[in-house]
Full PDB file with SEQRES, HELIX, SHEET, SSBOND, CRYST1, ORIGX, SCALE, CONECT and MASTER records, all heavy atoms in Angstrom:
SEQRES   1 A   40  CYS PHE HIS SER VAL ASP GLY TYR SER LYS VAL GLY SER          
SEQRES   2 A   40  TYR THR GLY ASN GLY ASN ALA ASP GLY THR PHE VAL HIS          
SEQRES   3 A   40  THR SER PHE ALA PRO ALA TYR VAL LEU SER LYS ARG VAL          
SEQRES   4 A   40  PRO                                                          
CRYST1    1.000    1.000    1.000  90.00  90.00  90.00 P 1           1          
ORIGX1      1.000000  0.000000  0.000000        0.00000                         
ORIGX2      0.000000  1.000000  0.000000        0.00000                         
ORIGX3      0.000000  0.000000  1.000000        0.00000                         
SCALE1      1.000000  0.000000  0.000000        0.00000                         
SCALE2      0.000000  1.000000  0.000000        0.00000                         
SCALE3      0.000000  0.000000  1.000000        0.00000                         
ATOM      1  N   CYS A   1      27.461 -26.064   7.405  1.00  0.00           N  
ATOM      2  CA  CYS A   1      27.028 -25.525   6.123  1.00  0.00           C  
ATOM      3  C   CYS A   1      26.746 -24.028   6.270  1.00  0.00           C  
ATOM      4  O   CYS A   1      26.022 -23.615   7.178  1.00  0.00           O  
ATOM      5  CB  CYS A   1      25.766 -26.239   5.643  1.00  0.00           C  
ATOM      6  SG  CYS A   1      25.895 -28.046   5.607  1.00  0.00           S  
ATOM      7  N   PHE A   2      27.297 -23.227   5.353  1.00  0.00           N  
ATOM      8  CA  PHE A   2      27.184 -21.771   5.457  1.00  0.00           C  
ATOM      9  C   PHE A   2      26.796 -21.160   4.115  1.00  0.00           C  
ATOM     10  O   PHE A   2      27.238 -21.625   3.063  1.00  0.00           O  
ATOM     11  CB  PHE A   2      28.525 -21.155   5.872  1.00  0.00           C  
ATOM     12  CG  PHE A   2      29.100 -21.695   7.147  1.00  0.00           C  
ATOM     13  CD1 PHE A   2      30.025 -22.729   7.118  1.00  0.00           C  
ATOM     14  CD2 PHE A   2      28.727 -21.174   8.378  1.00  0.00           C  
ATOM     15  CE1 PHE A   2      30.576 -23.230   8.290  1.00  0.00           C  
ATOM     16  CE2 PHE A   2      29.264 -21.666   9.556  1.00  0.00           C  
ATOM     17  CZ  PHE A   2      30.187 -22.697   9.507  1.00  0.00           C  
ATOM     18  N   HIS A   3      25.996 -20.094   4.180  1.00  0.00           N  
ATOM     19  CA  HIS A   3      25.826 -19.206   3.032  1.00  0.00           C  
ATOM     20  C   HIS A   3      25.808 -17.774   3.557  1.00  0.00           C  
ATOM     21  O   HIS A   3      25.625 -17.534   4.756  1.00  0.00           O  
ATOM     22  CB  HIS A   3      24.565 -19.537   2.222  1.00  0.00           C  
ATOM     23  CG  HIS A   3      23.267 -19.297   2.938  1.00  0.00           C  
ATOM     24  ND1 HIS A   3      22.716 -18.053   3.079  1.00  0.00           N  
ATOM     25  CD2 HIS A   3      22.416 -20.153   3.549  1.00  0.00           C  
ATOM     26  CE1 HIS A   3      21.567 -18.141   3.743  1.00  0.00           C  
ATOM     27  NE2 HIS A   3      21.364 -19.410   4.044  1.00  0.00           N  
ATOM     28  N   SER A   4      26.010 -16.830   2.669  1.00  0.00           N  
ATOM     29  CA  SER A   4      26.040 -15.426   3.068  1.00  0.00           C  
ATOM     30  C   SER A   4      24.658 -14.977   3.520  1.00  0.00           C  
ATOM     31  O   SER A   4      23.646 -15.317   2.895  1.00  0.00           O  
ATOM     32  CB  SER A   4      26.487 -14.548   1.891  1.00  0.00           C  
ATOM     33  OG  SER A   4      27.786 -14.901   1.480  1.00  0.00           O  
ATOM     34  N   VAL A   5      24.619 -14.229   4.619  1.00  0.00           N  
ATOM     35  CA  VAL A   5      23.386 -13.650   5.145  1.00  0.00           C  
ATOM     36  C   VAL A   5      23.638 -12.161   5.348  1.00  0.00           C  
ATOM     37  O   VAL A   5      24.571 -11.789   6.073  1.00  0.00           O  
ATOM     38  CB  VAL A   5      22.968 -14.307   6.479  1.00  0.00           C  
ATOM     39  CG1 VAL A   5      21.737 -13.622   7.056  1.00  0.00           C  
ATOM     40  CG2 VAL A   5      22.722 -15.795   6.282  1.00  0.00           C  
ATOM     41  N   ASP A   6      22.844 -11.321   4.715  1.00  0.00           N  
ATOM     42  CA  ASP A   6      23.048  -9.879   4.758  1.00  0.00           C  
ATOM     43  C   ASP A   6      23.153  -9.381   6.198  1.00  0.00           C  
ATOM     44  O   ASP A   6      22.280  -9.638   7.027  1.00  0.00           O  
ATOM     45  CB  ASP A   6      21.883  -9.186   4.035  1.00  0.00           C  
ATOM     46  CG  ASP A   6      22.115  -7.697   3.855  1.00  0.00           C  
ATOM     47  OD1 ASP A   6      23.281  -7.296   3.736  1.00  0.00           O  
ATOM     48  OD2 ASP A   6      21.126  -6.946   3.838  1.00  0.00           O  
ATOM     49  N   GLY A   7      24.261  -8.709   6.499  1.00  0.00           N  
ATOM     50  CA  GLY A   7      24.462  -8.145   7.823  1.00  0.00           C  
ATOM     51  C   GLY A   7      24.944  -9.123   8.871  1.00  0.00           C  
ATOM     52  O   GLY A   7      25.157  -8.742  10.026  1.00  0.00           O  
ATOM     53  N   TYR A   8      25.138 -10.395   8.499  1.00  0.00           N  
ATOM     54  CA  TYR A   8      25.523 -11.415   9.477  1.00  0.00           C  
ATOM     55  C   TYR A   8      26.773 -12.190   9.066  1.00  0.00           C  
ATOM     56  O   TYR A   8      27.703 -12.346   9.844  1.00  0.00           O  
ATOM     57  CB  TYR A   8      24.365 -12.383   9.703  1.00  0.00           C  
ATOM     58  CG  TYR A   8      24.679 -13.480  10.679  1.00  0.00           C  
ATOM     59  CD1 TYR A   8      24.659 -13.236  12.050  1.00  0.00           C  
ATOM     60  CD2 TYR A   8      25.023 -14.758  10.247  1.00  0.00           C  
ATOM     61  CE1 TYR A   8      24.970 -14.233  12.961  1.00  0.00           C  
ATOM     62  CE2 TYR A   8      25.338 -15.761  11.147  1.00  0.00           C  
ATOM     63  CZ  TYR A   8      25.302 -15.502  12.503  1.00  0.00           C  
ATOM     64  OH  TYR A   8      25.622 -16.492  13.392  1.00  0.00           O  
ATOM     65  N   SER A   9      26.783 -12.707   7.839  1.00  0.00           N  
ATOM     66  CA  SER A   9      27.914 -13.520   7.381  1.00  0.00           C  
ATOM     67  C   SER A   9      28.168 -13.276   5.903  1.00  0.00           C  
ATOM     68  O   SER A   9      27.269 -12.878   5.160  1.00  0.00           O  
ATOM     69  CB  SER A   9      27.642 -15.012   7.611  1.00  0.00           C  
ATOM     70  OG  SER A   9      26.504 -15.433   6.872  1.00  0.00           O  
ATOM     71  N   LYS A  10      29.398 -13.531   5.491  1.00  0.00           N  
ATOM     72  CA  LYS A  10      29.769 -13.382   4.090  1.00  0.00           C  
ATOM     73  C   LYS A  10      30.749 -14.473   3.717  1.00  0.00           C  
ATOM     74  O   LYS A  10      31.781 -14.657   4.374  1.00  0.00           O  
ATOM     75  CB  LYS A  10      30.391 -12.003   3.854  1.00  0.00           C  
ATOM     76  CG  LYS A  10      30.856 -11.755   2.436  1.00  0.00           C  
ATOM     77  CD  LYS A  10      29.691 -11.611   1.482  1.00  0.00           C  
ATOM     78  CE  LYS A  10      30.192 -11.212   0.085  1.00  0.00           C  
ATOM     79  NZ  LYS A  10      29.086 -11.194  -0.893  1.00  0.00           N  
ATOM     80  N   VAL A  11      30.424 -15.220   2.667  1.00  0.00           N  
ATOM     81  CA  VAL A  11      31.312 -16.223   2.088  1.00  0.00           C  
ATOM     82  C   VAL A  11      31.747 -15.677   0.737  1.00  0.00           C  
ATOM     83  O   VAL A  11      30.896 -15.327  -0.091  1.00  0.00           O  
ATOM     84  CB  VAL A  11      30.596 -17.577   1.915  1.00  0.00           C  
ATOM     85  CG1 VAL A  11      31.539 -18.595   1.296  1.00  0.00           C  
ATOM     86  CG2 VAL A  11      30.050 -18.080   3.249  1.00  0.00           C  
ATOM     87  N   GLY A  12      33.045 -15.565   0.508  1.00  0.00           N  
ATOM     88  CA  GLY A  12      33.475 -14.972  -0.749  1.00  0.00           C  
ATOM     89  C   GLY A  12      34.934 -15.232  -1.053  1.00  0.00           C  
ATOM     90  O   GLY A  12      35.595 -16.055  -0.422  1.00  0.00           O  
ATOM     91  N   SER A  13      35.425 -14.495  -2.028  1.00  0.00           N  
ATOM     92  CA  SER A  13      36.823 -14.596  -2.433  1.00  0.00           C  
ATOM     93  C   SER A  13      37.314 -13.218  -2.843  1.00  0.00           C  
ATOM     94  O   SER A  13      36.517 -12.311  -3.127  1.00  0.00           O  
ATOM     95  CB  SER A  13      36.983 -15.581  -3.594  1.00  0.00           C  
ATOM     96  OG  SER A  13      36.298 -15.121  -4.743  1.00  0.00           O  
ATOM     97  N   TYR A  14      38.623 -13.058  -2.848  1.00  0.00           N  
ATOM     98  CA  TYR A  14      39.233 -11.822  -3.322  1.00  0.00           C  
ATOM     99  C   TYR A  14      40.564 -12.143  -3.987  1.00  0.00           C  
ATOM    100  O   TYR A  14      41.099 -13.241  -3.838  1.00  0.00           O  
ATOM    101  CB  TYR A  14      39.424 -10.814  -2.178  1.00  0.00           C  
ATOM    102  CG  TYR A  14      40.418 -11.224  -1.108  1.00  0.00           C  
ATOM    103  CD1 TYR A  14      41.774 -10.914  -1.215  1.00  0.00           C  
ATOM    104  CD2 TYR A  14      39.997 -11.921   0.026  1.00  0.00           C  
ATOM    105  CE1 TYR A  14      42.681 -11.284  -0.234  1.00  0.00           C  
ATOM    106  CE2 TYR A  14      40.905 -12.286   1.012  1.00  0.00           C  
ATOM    107  CZ  TYR A  14      42.238 -11.964   0.871  1.00  0.00           C  
ATOM    108  OH  TYR A  14      43.139 -12.339   1.843  1.00  0.00           O  
ATOM    109  N   THR A  15      41.078 -11.179  -4.726  1.00  0.00           N  
ATOM    110  CA  THR A  15      42.371 -11.319  -5.392  1.00  0.00           C  
ATOM    111  C   THR A  15      43.372 -10.392  -4.723  1.00  0.00           C  
ATOM    112  O   THR A  15      43.096  -9.206  -4.524  1.00  0.00           O  
ATOM    113  CB  THR A  15      42.254 -10.970  -6.886  1.00  0.00           C  
ATOM    114  OG1 THR A  15      41.290 -11.837  -7.492  1.00  0.00           O  
ATOM    115  CG2 THR A  15      43.594 -11.145  -7.598  1.00  0.00           C  
ATOM    116  N   GLY A  16      44.525 -10.920  -4.359  1.00  0.00           N  
ATOM    117  CA  GLY A  16      45.552 -10.121  -3.713  1.00  0.00           C  
ATOM    118  C   GLY A  16      46.203  -9.144  -4.681  1.00  0.00           C  
ATOM    119  O   GLY A  16      46.183  -9.361  -5.897  1.00  0.00           O  
ATOM    120  N   ASN A  17      46.799  -8.068  -4.126  1.00  0.00           N  
ATOM    121  CA  ASN A  17      47.510  -7.109  -4.974  1.00  0.00           C  
ATOM    122  C   ASN A  17      48.996  -7.007  -4.643  1.00  0.00           C  
ATOM    123  O   ASN A  17      49.727  -6.254  -5.281  1.00  0.00           O  
ATOM    124  CB  ASN A  17      46.848  -5.728  -4.927  1.00  0.00           C  
ATOM    125  CG  ASN A  17      46.982  -5.037  -3.579  1.00  0.00           C  
ATOM    126  OD1 ASN A  17      47.672  -5.516  -2.675  1.00  0.00           O  
ATOM    127  ND2 ASN A  17      46.311  -3.907  -3.432  1.00  0.00           N  
ATOM    128  N   GLY A  18      49.454  -7.758  -3.640  1.00  0.00           N  
ATOM    129  CA  GLY A  18      50.875  -7.783  -3.319  1.00  0.00           C  
ATOM    130  C   GLY A  18      51.437  -6.471  -2.844  1.00  0.00           C  
ATOM    131  O   GLY A  18      52.639  -6.231  -2.935  1.00  0.00           O  
ATOM    132  N   ASN A  19      50.587  -5.612  -2.272  1.00  0.00           N  
ATOM    133  CA  ASN A  19      50.989  -4.259  -1.911  1.00  0.00           C  
ATOM    134  C   ASN A  19      50.689  -4.022  -0.436  1.00  0.00           C  
ATOM    135  O   ASN A  19      49.729  -4.555   0.103  1.00  0.00           O  
ATOM    136  CB  ASN A  19      50.209  -3.267  -2.786  1.00  0.00           C  
ATOM    137  CG  ASN A  19      50.774  -1.880  -2.739  1.00  0.00           C  
ATOM    138  OD1 ASN A  19      50.788  -1.246  -1.682  1.00  0.00           O  
ATOM    139  ND2 ASN A  19      51.245  -1.393  -3.872  1.00  0.00           N  
ATOM    140  N   ALA A  20      51.502  -3.196   0.220  1.00  0.00           N  
ATOM    141  CA  ALA A  20      51.230  -2.853   1.614  1.00  0.00           C  
ATOM    142  C   ALA A  20      49.920  -2.084   1.758  1.00  0.00           C  
ATOM    143  O   ALA A  20      49.284  -2.128   2.809  1.00  0.00           O  
ATOM    144  CB  ALA A  20      52.378  -2.031   2.193  1.00  0.00           C  
ATOM    145  N   ASP A  21      49.514  -1.367   0.714  1.00  0.00           N  
ATOM    146  CA  ASP A  21      48.173  -0.783   0.642  1.00  0.00           C  
ATOM    147  C   ASP A  21      47.292  -1.838   0.000  1.00  0.00           C  
ATOM    148  O   ASP A  21      46.979  -1.788  -1.179  1.00  0.00           O  
ATOM    149  CB  ASP A  21      48.190   0.508  -0.181  1.00  0.00           C  
ATOM    150  CG  ASP A  21      46.834   1.190  -0.215  1.00  0.00           C  
ATOM    151  OD1 ASP A  21      45.980   0.855   0.632  1.00  0.00           O  
ATOM    152  OD2 ASP A  21      46.621   2.023  -1.104  1.00  0.00           O  
ATOM    153  N   GLY A  22      46.906  -2.824   0.798  1.00  0.00           N  
ATOM    154  CA  GLY A  22      46.347  -4.062   0.273  1.00  0.00           C  
ATOM    155  C   GLY A  22      44.910  -3.985  -0.196  1.00  0.00           C  
ATOM    156  O   GLY A  22      44.251  -2.957  -0.131  1.00  0.00           O  
ATOM    157  N   THR A  23      44.446  -5.118  -0.639  1.00  0.00           N  
ATOM    158  CA  THR A  23      43.088  -5.275  -1.132  1.00  0.00           C  
ATOM    159  C   THR A  23      42.076  -4.965  -0.033  1.00  0.00           C  
ATOM    160  O   THR A  23      42.268  -5.337   1.127  1.00  0.00           O  
ATOM    161  CB  THR A  23      42.889  -6.722  -1.628  1.00  0.00           C  
ATOM    162  OG1 THR A  23      43.815  -6.981  -2.688  1.00  0.00           O  
ATOM    163  CG2 THR A  23      41.475  -6.965  -2.108  1.00  0.00           C  
ATOM    164  N   PHE A  24      40.997  -4.273  -0.409  1.00  0.00           N  
ATOM    165  CA  PHE A  24      39.853  -4.088   0.490  1.00  0.00           C  
ATOM    166  C   PHE A  24      38.791  -5.103   0.114  1.00  0.00           C  
ATOM    167  O   PHE A  24      38.470  -5.272  -1.066  1.00  0.00           O  
ATOM    168  CB  PHE A  24      39.277  -2.674   0.376  1.00  0.00           C  
ATOM    169  CG  PHE A  24      37.939  -2.525   1.056  1.00  0.00           C  
ATOM    170  CD1 PHE A  24      37.862  -2.503   2.444  1.00  0.00           C  
ATOM    171  CD2 PHE A  24      36.772  -2.451   0.319  1.00  0.00           C  
ATOM    172  CE1 PHE A  24      36.626  -2.406   3.081  1.00  0.00           C  
ATOM    173  CE2 PHE A  24      35.538  -2.340   0.940  1.00  0.00           C  
ATOM    174  CZ  PHE A  24      35.466  -2.314   2.324  1.00  0.00           C  
ATOM    175  N   VAL A  25      38.247  -5.793   1.117  1.00  0.00           N  
ATOM    176  CA  VAL A  25      37.218  -6.810   0.887  1.00  0.00           C  
ATOM    177  C   VAL A  25      35.921  -6.338   1.524  1.00  0.00           C  
ATOM    178  O   VAL A  25      35.840  -6.175   2.750  1.00  0.00           O  
ATOM    179  CB  VAL A  25      37.645  -8.175   1.469  1.00  0.00           C  
ATOM    180  CG1 VAL A  25      36.582  -9.228   1.164  1.00  0.00           C  
ATOM    181  CG2 VAL A  25      39.000  -8.590   0.914  1.00  0.00           C  
ATOM    182  N   HIS A  26      34.905  -6.111   0.712  1.00  0.00           N  
ATOM    183  CA  HIS A  26      33.624  -5.586   1.186  1.00  0.00           C  
ATOM    184  C   HIS A  26      32.740  -6.732   1.685  1.00  0.00           C  
ATOM    185  O   HIS A  26      32.464  -7.675   0.944  1.00  0.00           O  
ATOM    186  CB  HIS A  26      32.912  -4.842   0.057  1.00  0.00           C  
ATOM    187  CG  HIS A  26      31.645  -4.188   0.485  1.00  0.00           C  
ATOM    188  ND1 HIS A  26      30.413  -4.769   0.292  1.00  0.00           N  
ATOM    189  CD2 HIS A  26      31.422  -3.012   1.125  1.00  0.00           C  
ATOM    190  CE1 HIS A  26      29.478  -3.974   0.776  1.00  0.00           C  
ATOM    191  NE2 HIS A  26      30.069  -2.900   1.292  1.00  0.00           N  
ATOM    192  N   THR A  27      32.320  -6.647   2.939  1.00  0.00           N  
ATOM    193  CA  THR A  27      31.426  -7.658   3.504  1.00  0.00           C  
ATOM    194  C   THR A  27      30.037  -7.106   3.806  1.00  0.00           C  
ATOM    195  O   THR A  27      29.123  -7.865   4.071  1.00  0.00           O  
ATOM    196  CB  THR A  27      32.004  -8.229   4.810  1.00  0.00           C  
ATOM    197  OG1 THR A  27      32.145  -7.167   5.757  1.00  0.00           O  
ATOM    198  CG2 THR A  27      33.347  -8.900   4.574  1.00  0.00           C  
ATOM    199  N   SER A  28      29.894  -5.788   3.827  1.00  0.00           N  
ATOM    200  CA  SER A  28      28.672  -5.037   4.167  1.00  0.00           C  
ATOM    201  C   SER A  28      28.436  -4.965   5.672  1.00  0.00           C  
ATOM    202  O   SER A  28      27.385  -4.500   6.106  1.00  0.00           O  
ATOM    203  CB  SER A  28      27.426  -5.584   3.455  1.00  0.00           C  
ATOM    204  OG  SER A  28      26.911  -6.740   4.088  1.00  0.00           O  
ATOM    205  N   PHE A  29      29.393  -5.408   6.483  1.00  0.00           N  
ATOM    206  CA  PHE A  29      29.278  -5.306   7.944  1.00  0.00           C  
ATOM    207  C   PHE A  29      30.682  -5.228   8.543  1.00  0.00           C  
ATOM    208  O   PHE A  29      31.677  -5.519   7.881  1.00  0.00           O  
ATOM    209  CB  PHE A  29      28.522  -6.492   8.540  1.00  0.00           C  
ATOM    210  CG  PHE A  29      29.059  -7.850   8.131  1.00  0.00           C  
ATOM    211  CD1 PHE A  29      30.231  -8.362   8.671  1.00  0.00           C  
ATOM    212  CD2 PHE A  29      28.374  -8.618   7.201  1.00  0.00           C  
ATOM    213  CE1 PHE A  29      30.719  -9.609   8.304  1.00  0.00           C  
ATOM    214  CE2 PHE A  29      28.856  -9.862   6.817  1.00  0.00           C  
ATOM    215  CZ  PHE A  29      30.027 -10.356   7.368  1.00  0.00           C  
ATOM    216  N   ALA A  30      30.751  -4.823   9.815  1.00  0.00           N  
ATOM    217  CA  ALA A  30      32.018  -4.826  10.547  1.00  0.00           C  
ATOM    218  C   ALA A  30      32.311  -6.263  10.991  1.00  0.00           C  
ATOM    219  O   ALA A  30      31.541  -6.841  11.757  1.00  0.00           O  
ATOM    220  CB  ALA A  30      31.930  -3.914  11.765  1.00  0.00           C  
ATOM    221  N   PRO A  31      33.386  -6.856  10.512  1.00  0.00           N  
ATOM    222  CA  PRO A  31      33.666  -8.252  10.872  1.00  0.00           C  
ATOM    223  C   PRO A  31      34.104  -8.413  12.329  1.00  0.00           C  
ATOM    224  O   PRO A  31      34.776  -7.556  12.883  1.00  0.00           O  
ATOM    225  CB  PRO A  31      34.815  -8.643   9.934  1.00  0.00           C  
ATOM    226  CG  PRO A  31      34.894  -7.575   8.896  1.00  0.00           C  
ATOM    227  CD  PRO A  31      34.354  -6.340   9.545  1.00  0.00           C  
ATOM    228  N   ALA A  32      33.719  -9.544  12.898  1.00  0.00           N  
ATOM    229  CA  ALA A  32      34.251  -9.970  14.188  1.00  0.00           C  
ATOM    230  C   ALA A  32      35.258 -11.090  14.003  1.00  0.00           C  
ATOM    231  O   ALA A  32      36.154 -11.277  14.834  1.00  0.00           O  
ATOM    232  CB  ALA A  32      33.136 -10.446  15.103  1.00  0.00           C  
ATOM    233  N   TYR A  33      35.124 -11.830  12.907  1.00  0.00           N  
ATOM    234  CA  TYR A  33      35.925 -13.036  12.661  1.00  0.00           C  
ATOM    235  C   TYR A  33      36.063 -13.229  11.163  1.00  0.00           C  
ATOM    236  O   TYR A  33      35.072 -13.129  10.428  1.00  0.00           O  
ATOM    237  CB  TYR A  33      35.216 -14.234  13.290  1.00  0.00           C  
ATOM    238  CG  TYR A  33      35.812 -15.593  12.994  1.00  0.00           C  
ATOM    239  CD1 TYR A  33      36.667 -16.204  13.900  1.00  0.00           C  
ATOM    240  CD2 TYR A  33      35.501 -16.274  11.820  1.00  0.00           C  
ATOM    241  CE1 TYR A  33      37.204 -17.462  13.643  1.00  0.00           C  
ATOM    242  CE2 TYR A  33      36.036 -17.536  11.555  1.00  0.00           C  
ATOM    243  CZ  TYR A  33      36.887 -18.117  12.469  1.00  0.00           C  
ATOM    244  OH  TYR A  33      37.417 -19.357  12.220  1.00  0.00           O  
ATOM    245  N   VAL A  34      37.290 -13.486  10.714  1.00  0.00           N  
ATOM    246  CA  VAL A  34      37.539 -13.799   9.309  1.00  0.00           C  
ATOM    247  C   VAL A  34      38.483 -14.991   9.242  1.00  0.00           C  
ATOM    248  O   VAL A  34      39.533 -15.006   9.887  1.00  0.00           O  
ATOM    249  CB  VAL A  34      38.162 -12.615   8.543  1.00  0.00           C  
ATOM    250  CG1 VAL A  34      38.523 -13.026   7.116  1.00  0.00           C  
ATOM    251  CG2 VAL A  34      37.219 -11.414   8.525  1.00  0.00           C  
ATOM    252  N   LEU A  35      38.095 -15.998   8.466  1.00  0.00           N  
ATOM    253  CA  LEU A  35      38.930 -17.153   8.169  1.00  0.00           C  
ATOM    254  C   LEU A  35      39.236 -17.101   6.678  1.00  0.00           C  
ATOM    255  O   LEU A  35      38.310 -17.018   5.861  1.00  0.00           O  
ATOM    256  CB  LEU A  35      38.188 -18.453   8.509  1.00  0.00           C  
ATOM    257  CG  LEU A  35      38.826 -19.766   8.057  1.00  0.00           C  
ATOM    258  CD1 LEU A  35      40.123 -20.040   8.804  1.00  0.00           C  
ATOM    259  CD2 LEU A  35      37.847 -20.919   8.253  1.00  0.00           C  
ATOM    260  N   SER A  36      40.530 -17.124   6.306  1.00  0.00           N  
ATOM    261  CA  SER A  36      40.888 -17.018   4.893  1.00  0.00           C  
ATOM    262  C   SER A  36      41.968 -18.025   4.523  1.00  0.00           C  
ATOM    263  O   SER A  36      42.693 -18.527   5.390  1.00  0.00           O  
ATOM    264  CB  SER A  36      41.354 -15.597   4.554  1.00  0.00           C  
ATOM    265  OG  SER A  36      42.550 -15.283   5.243  1.00  0.00           O  
ATOM    266  N   LYS A  37      42.082 -18.273   3.209  1.00  0.00           N  
ATOM    267  CA  LYS A  37      43.064 -19.257   2.710  1.00  0.00           C  
ATOM    268  C   LYS A  37      43.431 -18.933   1.272  1.00  0.00           C  
ATOM    269  O   LYS A  37      42.561 -18.664   0.451  1.00  0.00           O  
ATOM    270  CB  LYS A  37      42.445 -20.661   2.780  1.00  0.00           C  
ATOM    271  CG  LYS A  37      43.240 -21.769   2.080  1.00  0.00           C  
ATOM    272  CD  LYS A  37      44.403 -22.220   2.926  1.00  0.00           C  
ATOM    273  CE  LYS A  37      45.043 -23.514   2.412  1.00  0.00           C  
ATOM    274  NZ  LYS A  37      45.890 -23.313   1.223  1.00  0.00           N  
ATOM    275  N   ARG A  38      44.721 -18.943   0.985  1.00  0.00           N  
ATOM    276  CA  ARG A  38      45.175 -18.813  -0.405  1.00  0.00           C  
ATOM    277  C   ARG A  38      44.879 -20.118  -1.129  1.00  0.00           C  
ATOM    278  O   ARG A  38      45.205 -21.203  -0.652  1.00  0.00           O  
ATOM    279  CB  ARG A  38      46.666 -18.486  -0.459  1.00  0.00           C  
ATOM    280  CG  ARG A  38      47.163 -18.305  -1.885  1.00  0.00           C  
ATOM    281  CD  ARG A  38      48.434 -17.497  -2.004  1.00  0.00           C  
ATOM    282  NE  ARG A  38      49.574 -18.007  -1.291  1.00  0.00           N  
ATOM    283  CZ  ARG A  38      50.840 -17.812  -1.697  1.00  0.00           C  
ATOM    284  NH1 ARG A  38      51.100 -17.129  -2.804  1.00  0.00           N  
ATOM    285  NH2 ARG A  38      51.833 -18.264  -0.981  1.00  0.00           N  
ATOM    286  N   VAL A  39      44.264 -20.040  -2.298  1.00  0.00           N  
ATOM    287  CA  VAL A  39      43.760 -21.229  -2.991  1.00  0.00           C  
ATOM    288  C   VAL A  39      44.806 -21.955  -3.829  1.00  0.00           C  
ATOM    289  O   VAL A  39      44.904 -23.177  -3.764  1.00  0.00           O  
ATOM    290  CB  VAL A  39      42.535 -20.853  -3.868  1.00  0.00           C  
ATOM    291  CG1 VAL A  39      42.099 -22.021  -4.730  1.00  0.00           C  
ATOM    292  CG2 VAL A  39      41.389 -20.380  -2.993  1.00  0.00           C  
ATOM    293  N   PRO A  40      45.610 -21.261  -4.662  1.00  0.00           N  
ATOM    294  CA  PRO A  40      46.394 -22.010  -5.649  1.00  0.00           C  
ATOM    295  C   PRO A  40      47.680 -22.644  -5.138  1.00  0.00           C  
ATOM    296  O   PRO A  40      48.318 -23.391  -5.879  1.00  0.00           O  
ATOM    297  CB  PRO A  40      46.714 -20.946  -6.719  1.00  0.00           C  
ATOM    298  CG  PRO A  40      46.716 -19.659  -5.971  1.00  0.00           C  
ATOM    299  CD  PRO A  40      45.709 -19.814  -4.877  1.00  0.00           C  
TER     300      PRO A  40                                                      
MASTER        0    0    0    0    0    0    0    6  299    1    0    4          
END                                                                             
């Protein structure tokens, strides 16, 4: 079970832009690990 913790973890979503200059996803920290999945 996870929830976002400031400076430690972030659970969220983003929308892709289909561009090589891709979407920026703000987590408020430097990530060490990211797990992602396209939903639809």
